[in-house]
Amino acid sequence: MSRRTILCYGDSNTWGRDAHTVARLPESSRWPNELQRRLGDSFHVIAEGLNGRTTVWEDPIEEHRCGKAYLPACLLTHHPLAMVVLMLGTNDLKKRFSVSAFDIGRSIGVLLDLIQKSGTGVDGGPPAVLAICPPAVGKLSEFAEMFEGAGEKSLHLAAHYRLHAEQRGCGFLDAGEIIRSSDADGIHLEPEDQVKLGRAVSDLVKQMLA
């Protein structure tokens, strides 16, 4: 029996950036790897994380970061997909984009629609989708100017994500209910929270694909 493929599509927290350095965390401390460990050999988990990736916004400073632009090719590359786990939105909070929590939620909706209409699931159907709202932005240090005003705005994301996920029959996880952004930079995750997230995602994946 062939393994079922799960695509984890996200930003630096899916890539596994260390909150204390610019380095990448060890594989054992990245949530997609914990997801793979807990699901076992019957699944193939693909981590598609990119530092600075947005939902739908073209970044005028950091190029090639638009999640919407790359997602169709990514889905086609890895199909057939049993599930797509989507965790984006933190980078949309950058001051340079000046978008509301409402619009970030709508941007997630655009990506959910794209995935469901892609025909990249098993037998050409839609893959299952789990939308994850990132934890709220914490105390900012080096990113304070770049993410000016992001802390308050990030507190309102979960309600919008939940709404768009439920409207489309997708799974939803508010990561802020189980983990928090690191005190080191206010955006990235400590290794223990990466692992906790992987465990929480694995529980939902098992339920959704049972």
C-alpha atoms as a PDB file:
ATOM      1  CA  MET A   1       0.000   0.000   0.000  1.00  0.00           C
ATOM      2  CA  SER A   2       1.423   3.389  -1.011  1.00  0.00           C
ATOM      3  CA  ARG A   3       2.047   6.057   1.565  1.00  0.00           C
ATOM      4  CA  ARG A   4      -0.329   9.005   1.845  1.00  0.00           C
ATOM      5  CA  THR A   5       1.326  12.375   1.244  1.00  0.00           C
ATOM      6  CA  ILE A   6       0.827  15.428   3.449  1.00  0.00           C
ATOM      7  CA  LEU A   7       2.126  18.810   2.303  1.00  0.00           C
ATOM      8  CA  CYS A   8       2.972  21.350   5.022  1.00  0.00           C
ATOM      9  CA  TYR A   9       2.940  24.772   3.354  1.00  0.00           C
ATOM     10  CA  GLY A  10       4.210  27.632   5.467  1.00  0.00           C
ATOM     11  CA  ASP A  11       6.861  30.192   6.309  1.00  0.00           C
ATOM     12  CA  SER A  12       9.945  30.270   8.552  1.00  0.00           C
ATOM     13  CA  ASN A  13       8.191  28.424  11.362  1.00  0.00           C
ATOM     14  CA  THR A  14       7.541  25.531   8.971  1.00  0.00           C
ATOM     15  CA  TRP A  15      11.102  25.805   7.654  1.00  0.00           C
ATOM     16  CA  GLY A  16      12.306  25.697  11.278  1.00  0.00           C
ATOM     17  CA  ARG A  17      14.108  28.975  11.924  1.00  0.00           C
ATOM     18  CA  ASP A  18      15.793  29.260  15.315  1.00  0.00           C
ATOM     19  CA  ALA A  19      14.337  32.188  17.289  1.00  0.00           C
ATOM     20  CA  HIS A  20      17.788  32.987  18.687  1.00  0.00           C
ATOM     21  CA  THR A  21      19.835  32.853  15.486  1.00  0.00           C
ATOM     22  CA  VAL A  22      19.368  32.790  11.711  1.00  0.00           C
ATOM     23  CA  ALA A  23      20.149  29.062  11.693  1.00  0.00           C
ATOM     24  CA  ARG A  24      17.753  26.202  11.028  1.00  0.00           C
ATOM     25  CA  LEU A  25      16.675  24.062  13.940  1.00  0.00           C
ATOM     26  CA  PRO A  26      17.656  20.379  13.937  1.00  0.00           C
ATOM     27  CA  GLU A  27      15.200  18.111  12.160  1.00  0.00           C
ATOM     28  CA  SER A  28      14.031  16.689  15.484  1.00  0.00           C
ATOM     29  CA  SER A  29      12.921  20.191  16.535  1.00  0.00           C
ATOM     30  CA  ARG A  30      10.769  21.076  13.500  1.00  0.00           C
ATOM     31  CA  TRP A  31       7.032  20.499  13.651  1.00  0.00           C
ATOM     32  CA  PRO A  32       6.678  18.761  10.237  1.00  0.00           C
ATOM     33  CA  ASN A  33       9.315  16.234  11.307  1.00  0.00           C
ATOM     34  CA  GLU A  34       7.475  15.594  14.572  1.00  0.00           C
ATOM     35  CA  LEU A  35       4.313  15.145  12.519  1.00  0.00           C
ATOM     36  CA  GLN A  36       6.102  12.561  10.383  1.00  0.00           C
ATOM     37  CA  ARG A  37       7.453  10.758  13.445  1.00  0.00           C
ATOM     38  CA  ARG A  38       4.032  10.467  15.041  1.00  0.00           C
ATOM     39  CA  LEU A  39       2.187   9.453  11.869  1.00  0.00           C
ATOM     40  CA  GLY A  40       4.688   6.756  10.965  1.00  0.00           C
ATOM     41  CA  ASP A  41       5.723   5.129   7.718  1.00  0.00           C
ATOM     42  CA  SER A  42       2.234   5.024   6.196  1.00  0.00           C
ATOM     43  CA  PHE A  43       2.522   8.784   5.590  1.00  0.00           C
ATOM     44  CA  HIS A  44       5.000  10.949   3.707  1.00  0.00           C
ATOM     45  CA  VAL A  45       5.201  14.466   5.191  1.00  0.00           C
ATOM     46  CA  ILE A  46       6.683  17.181   2.974  1.00  0.00           C
ATOM     47  CA  ALA A  47       7.850  20.417   4.633  1.00  0.00           C
ATOM     48  CA  GLU A  48       7.458  23.339   2.222  1.00  0.00           C
ATOM     49  CA  GLY A  49       8.554  26.215   4.456  1.00  0.00           C
ATOM     50  CA  LEU A  50      10.052  29.467   3.176  1.00  0.00           C
ATOM     51  CA  ASN A  51      11.378  32.320   5.310  1.00  0.00           C
ATOM     52  CA  GLY A  52       9.273  35.431   4.768  1.00  0.00           C
ATOM     53  CA  ARG A  53       6.473  33.728   2.804  1.00  0.00           C
ATOM     54  CA  THR A  54       3.200  35.676   2.725  1.00  0.00           C
ATOM     55  CA  THR A  55      -0.293  34.531   1.802  1.00  0.00           C
ATOM     56  CA  VAL A  56      -1.044  36.517  -1.366  1.00  0.00           C
ATOM     57  CA  TRP A  57       1.201  39.582  -1.169  1.00  0.00           C
ATOM     58  CA  GLU A  58       4.171  40.274  -3.433  1.00  0.00           C
ATOM     59  CA  ASP A  59       6.979  41.550  -1.210  1.00  0.00           C
ATOM     60  CA  PRO A  60       8.736  44.584  -2.758  1.00  0.00           C
ATOM     61  CA  ILE A  61      11.870  43.952  -0.663  1.00  0.00           C
ATOM     62  CA  GLU A  62      12.152  40.174  -0.318  1.00  0.00           C
ATOM     63  CA  GLU A  63      11.354  38.614  -3.676  1.00  0.00           C
ATOM     64  CA  HIS A  64       9.706  35.254  -4.411  1.00  0.00           C
ATOM     65  CA  ARG A  65       7.803  35.208  -1.121  1.00  0.00           C
ATOM     66  CA  CYS A  66       4.187  35.214  -2.368  1.00  0.00           C
ATOM     67  CA  GLY A  67       2.498  32.033  -1.177  1.00  0.00           C
ATOM     68  CA  LYS A  68      -0.279  32.234  -3.766  1.00  0.00           C
ATOM     69  CA  ALA A  69       2.182  32.499  -6.652  1.00  0.00           C
ATOM     70  CA  TYR A  70       4.098  29.311  -5.828  1.00  0.00           C
ATOM     71  CA  LEU A  71       1.296  27.198  -4.370  1.00  0.00           C
ATOM     72  CA  PRO A  72      -0.227  25.850  -7.631  1.00  0.00           C
ATOM     73  CA  ALA A  73       3.117  24.515  -8.884  1.00  0.00           C
ATOM     74  CA  CYS A  74       3.886  23.109  -5.437  1.00  0.00           C
ATOM     75  CA  LEU A  75       0.583  21.223  -5.339  1.00  0.00           C
ATOM     76  CA  LEU A  76       1.137  19.829  -8.822  1.00  0.00           C
ATOM     77  CA  THR A  77       4.685  18.806  -7.973  1.00  0.00           C
ATOM     78  CA  HIS A  78       3.682  16.685  -5.003  1.00  0.00           C
ATOM     79  CA  HIS A  79       0.259  15.308  -5.976  1.00  0.00           C
ATOM     80  CA  PRO A  80      -1.596  13.121  -5.263  1.00  0.00           C
ATOM     81  CA  LEU A  81      -2.020  14.702  -1.846  1.00  0.00           C
ATOM     82  CA  ALA A  82      -4.038  13.290   1.013  1.00  0.00           C
ATOM     83  CA  MET A  83      -3.863  16.599   2.870  1.00  0.00           C
ATOM     84  CA  VAL A  84      -2.427  20.096   2.802  1.00  0.00           C
ATOM     85  CA  VAL A  85      -1.561  21.714   6.131  1.00  0.00           C
ATOM     86  CA  LEU A  86      -1.474  25.486   5.661  1.00  0.00           C
ATOM     87  CA  MET A  87       0.157  27.804   8.206  1.00  0.00           C
ATOM     88  CA  LEU A  88       0.767  31.326   6.910  1.00  0.00           C
ATOM     89  CA  GLY A  89      -0.097  34.890   7.892  1.00  0.00           C
ATOM     90  CA  THR A  90       2.645  36.056  10.226  1.00  0.00           C
ATOM     91  CA  ASN A  91       4.580  37.815   7.472  1.00  0.00           C
ATOM     92  CA  ASP A  92       1.405  39.515   6.261  1.00  0.00           C
ATOM     93  CA  LEU A  93       1.586  41.478   9.528  1.00  0.00           C
ATOM     94  CA  LYS A  94       4.679  43.373   8.376  1.00  0.00           C
ATOM     95  CA  LYS A  95       4.214  47.127   8.334  1.00  0.00           C
ATOM     96  CA  ARG A  96       5.111  47.281   4.623  1.00  0.00           C
ATOM     97  CA  PHE A  97       1.883  45.502   3.662  1.00  0.00           C
ATOM     98  CA  SER A  98      -0.464  47.530   5.916  1.00  0.00           C
ATOM     99  CA  VAL A  99      -3.306  45.005   5.730  1.00  0.00           C
ATOM    100  CA  SER A 100      -5.932  44.257   8.352  1.00  0.00           C
ATOM    101  CA  ALA A 101      -6.569  41.002  10.185  1.00  0.00           C
ATOM    102  CA  PHE A 102      -9.807  40.839   8.203  1.00  0.00           C
ATOM    103  CA  ASP A 103      -7.913  40.908   4.900  1.00  0.00           C
ATOM    104  CA  ILE A 104      -5.331  38.393   6.076  1.00  0.00           C
ATOM    105  CA  GLY A 105      -8.234  36.088   6.873  1.00  0.00           C
ATOM    106  CA  ARG A 106      -9.639  36.617   3.387  1.00  0.00           C
ATOM    107  CA  SER A 107      -6.200  35.868   1.962  1.00  0.00           C
ATOM    108  CA  ILE A 108      -6.231  32.525   3.742  1.00  0.00           C
ATOM    109  CA  GLY A 109      -9.625  31.931   2.155  1.00  0.00           C
ATOM    110  CA  VAL A 110      -8.099  32.556  -1.284  1.00  0.00           C
ATOM    111  CA  LEU A 111      -5.459  29.898  -0.621  1.00  0.00           C
ATOM    112  CA  LEU A 112      -8.007  27.431   0.720  1.00  0.00           C
ATOM    113  CA  ASP A 113     -10.083  27.874  -2.439  1.00  0.00           C
ATOM    114  CA  LEU A 114      -7.006  27.381  -4.596  1.00  0.00           C
ATOM    115  CA  ILE A 115      -6.141  24.117  -2.831  1.00  0.00           C
ATOM    116  CA  GLN A 116      -9.679  22.755  -2.960  1.00  0.00           C
ATOM    117  CA  LYS A 117     -10.041  23.532  -6.667  1.00  0.00           C
ATOM    118  CA  SER A 118      -6.587  22.231  -7.614  1.00  0.00           C
ATOM    119  CA  GLY A 119      -7.580  18.661  -8.392  1.00  0.00           C
ATOM    120  CA  THR A 120      -4.387  17.467  -6.704  1.00  0.00           C
ATOM    121  CA  GLY A 121      -6.010  15.100  -4.234  1.00  0.00           C
ATOM    122  CA  VAL A 122      -6.339  11.360  -4.611  1.00  0.00           C
ATOM    123  CA  ASP A 123      -7.998  10.400  -7.932  1.00  0.00           C
ATOM    124  CA  GLY A 124      -8.110  14.065  -8.956  1.00  0.00           C
ATOM    125  CA  GLY A 125     -10.343  15.192  -6.129  1.00  0.00           C
ATOM    126  CA  PRO A 126      -9.581  17.898  -3.568  1.00  0.00           C
ATOM    127  CA  PRO A 127      -7.051  17.118  -0.845  1.00  0.00           C
ATOM    128  CA  ALA A 128      -8.181  17.509   2.732  1.00  0.00           C
ATOM    129  CA  VAL A 129      -7.053  20.830   4.216  1.00  0.00           C
ATOM    130  CA  LEU A 130      -6.038  21.858   7.720  1.00  0.00           C
ATOM    131  CA  ALA A 131      -5.688  25.614   8.246  1.00  0.00           C
ATOM    132  CA  ILE A 132      -3.491  26.660  11.166  1.00  0.00           C
ATOM    133  CA  CYS A 133      -3.582  30.159  12.614  1.00  0.00           C
ATOM    134  CA  PRO A 134      -0.085  31.057  13.858  1.00  0.00           C
ATOM    135  CA  PRO A 135       0.326  32.112  17.496  1.00  0.00           C
ATOM    136  CA  ALA A 136       0.086  35.813  18.226  1.00  0.00           C
ATOM    137  CA  VAL A 137       3.165  37.956  17.774  1.00  0.00           C
ATOM    138  CA  GLY A 138       4.997  38.367  21.068  1.00  0.00           C
ATOM    139  CA  LYS A 139       7.536  40.835  22.393  1.00  0.00           C
ATOM    140  CA  LEU A 140       9.475  42.105  19.411  1.00  0.00           C
ATOM    141  CA  SER A 141      13.147  42.948  19.456  1.00  0.00           C
ATOM    142  CA  GLU A 142      15.071  43.140  16.179  1.00  0.00           C
ATOM    143  CA  PHE A 143      11.789  42.962  14.246  1.00  0.00           C
ATOM    144  CA  ALA A 144      10.045  45.767  16.154  1.00  0.00           C
ATOM    145  CA  GLU A 145      10.027  48.302  13.312  1.00  0.00           C
ATOM    146  CA  MET A 146       9.339  45.750  10.596  1.00  0.00           C
ATOM    147  CA  PHE A 147       6.306  44.426  12.497  1.00  0.00           C
ATOM    148  CA  GLU A 148       5.067  47.681  14.016  1.00  0.00           C
ATOM    149  CA  GLY A 149       1.473  47.206  15.202  1.00  0.00           C
ATOM    150  CA  ALA A 150       1.523  43.461  14.493  1.00  0.00           C
ATOM    151  CA  GLY A 151       0.981  42.320  18.073  1.00  0.00           C
ATOM    152  CA  GLU A 152      -2.520  43.737  18.457  1.00  0.00           C
ATOM    153  CA  LYS A 153      -3.527  42.788  14.927  1.00  0.00           C
ATOM    154  CA  SER A 154      -2.362  39.194  15.360  1.00  0.00           C
ATOM    155  CA  LEU A 155      -4.774  38.695  18.252  1.00  0.00           C
ATOM    156  CA  HIS A 156      -7.691  38.915  15.825  1.00  0.00           C
ATOM    157  CA  LEU A 157      -6.471  36.446  13.209  1.00  0.00           C
ATOM    158  CA  ALA A 158      -7.825  33.231  14.712  1.00  0.00           C
ATOM    159  CA  ALA A 159     -11.481  34.273  14.472  1.00  0.00           C
ATOM    160  CA  HIS A 160     -11.093  35.103  10.782  1.00  0.00           C
ATOM    161  CA  TYR A 161      -9.163  31.909  10.007  1.00  0.00           C
ATOM    162  CA  ARG A 162     -11.762  29.794  11.777  1.00  0.00           C
ATOM    163  CA  LEU A 163     -14.575  31.415   9.816  1.00  0.00           C
ATOM    164  CA  HIS A 164     -12.959  30.821   6.428  1.00  0.00           C
ATOM    165  CA  ALA A 165     -11.988  27.255   7.304  1.00  0.00           C
ATOM    166  CA  GLU A 166     -15.481  26.380   8.514  1.00  0.00           C
ATOM    167  CA  GLN A 167     -17.127  27.968   5.466  1.00  0.00           C
ATOM    168  CA  ARG A 168     -15.128  25.600   3.246  1.00  0.00           C
ATOM    169  CA  GLY A 169     -15.347  22.477   5.375  1.00  0.00           C
ATOM    170  CA  CYS A 170     -11.639  22.569   6.241  1.00  0.00           C
ATOM    171  CA  GLY A 171     -10.010  21.598   9.501  1.00  0.00           C
ATOM    172  CA  PHE A 172      -8.823  24.394  11.777  1.00  0.00           C
ATOM    173  CA  LEU A 173      -6.258  24.731  14.540  1.00  0.00           C
ATOM    174  CA  ASP A 174      -5.547  27.859  16.577  1.00  0.00           C
ATOM    175  CA  ALA A 175      -1.872  27.316  17.364  1.00  0.00           C
ATOM    176  CA  GLY A 176      -2.026  30.086  19.967  1.00  0.00           C
ATOM    177  CA  GLU A 177      -4.108  27.808  22.174  1.00  0.00           C
ATOM    178  CA  ILE A 178      -1.228  25.357  22.577  1.00  0.00           C
ATOM    179  CA  ILE A 179       2.009  27.275  21.898  1.00  0.00           C
ATOM    180  CA  ARG A 180       3.369  30.823  21.989  1.00  0.00           C
ATOM    181  CA  SER A 181       5.902  32.853  20.062  1.00  0.00           C
ATOM    182  CA  SER A 182       9.367  32.927  21.548  1.00  0.00           C
ATOM    183  CA  ASP A 183      10.400  35.755  23.867  1.00  0.00           C
ATOM    184  CA  ALA A 184      13.651  35.850  21.909  1.00  0.00           C
ATOM    185  CA  ASP A 185      12.171  37.590  18.870  1.00  0.00           C
ATOM    186  CA  GLY A 186       8.374  37.520  19.219  1.00  0.00           C
ATOM    187  CA  ILE A 187       7.788  35.643  15.958  1.00  0.00           C
ATOM    188  CA  HIS A 188       9.544  32.284  15.811  1.00  0.00           C
ATOM    189  CA  LEU A 189       9.076  29.172  17.927  1.00  0.00           C
ATOM    190  CA  GLU A 190      11.210  27.558  20.566  1.00  0.00           C
ATOM    191  CA  PRO A 191      12.114  23.899  19.852  1.00  0.00           C
ATOM    192  CA  GLU A 192       9.730  22.578  22.497  1.00  0.00           C
ATOM    193  CA  ASP A 193       6.831  24.509  20.946  1.00  0.00           C
ATOM    194  CA  GLN A 194       7.736  23.213  17.488  1.00  0.00           C
ATOM    195  CA  VAL A 195       7.404  19.689  18.865  1.00  0.00           C
ATOM    196  CA  LYS A 196       4.135  20.494  20.675  1.00  0.00           C
ATOM    197  CA  LEU A 197       2.708  21.873  17.447  1.00  0.00           C
ATOM    198  CA  GLY A 198       3.698  18.748  15.553  1.00  0.00           C
ATOM    199  CA  ARG A 199       1.925  16.611  18.128  1.00  0.00           C
ATOM    200  CA  ALA A 200      -1.257  18.687  17.965  1.00  0.00           C
ATOM    201  CA  VAL A 201      -1.276  18.593  14.179  1.00  0.00           C
ATOM    202  CA  SER A 202      -0.771  14.829  14.160  1.00  0.00           C
ATOM    203  CA  ASP A 203      -3.836  14.341  16.373  1.00  0.00           C
ATOM    204  CA  LEU A 204      -5.982  16.383  13.970  1.00  0.00           C
ATOM    205  CA  VAL A 205      -4.576  14.683  10.885  1.00  0.00           C
ATOM    206  CA  LYS A 206      -5.412  11.276  12.326  1.00  0.00           C
ATOM    207  CA  GLN A 207      -8.979  12.416  13.007  1.00  0.00           C
ATOM    208  CA  MET A 208      -9.462  13.995   9.592  1.00  0.00           C
ATOM    209  CA  LEU A 209      -7.989  11.121   7.594  1.00  0.00           C
ATOM    210  CA  ALA A 210      -9.413   8.279   9.650  1.00  0.00           C
END
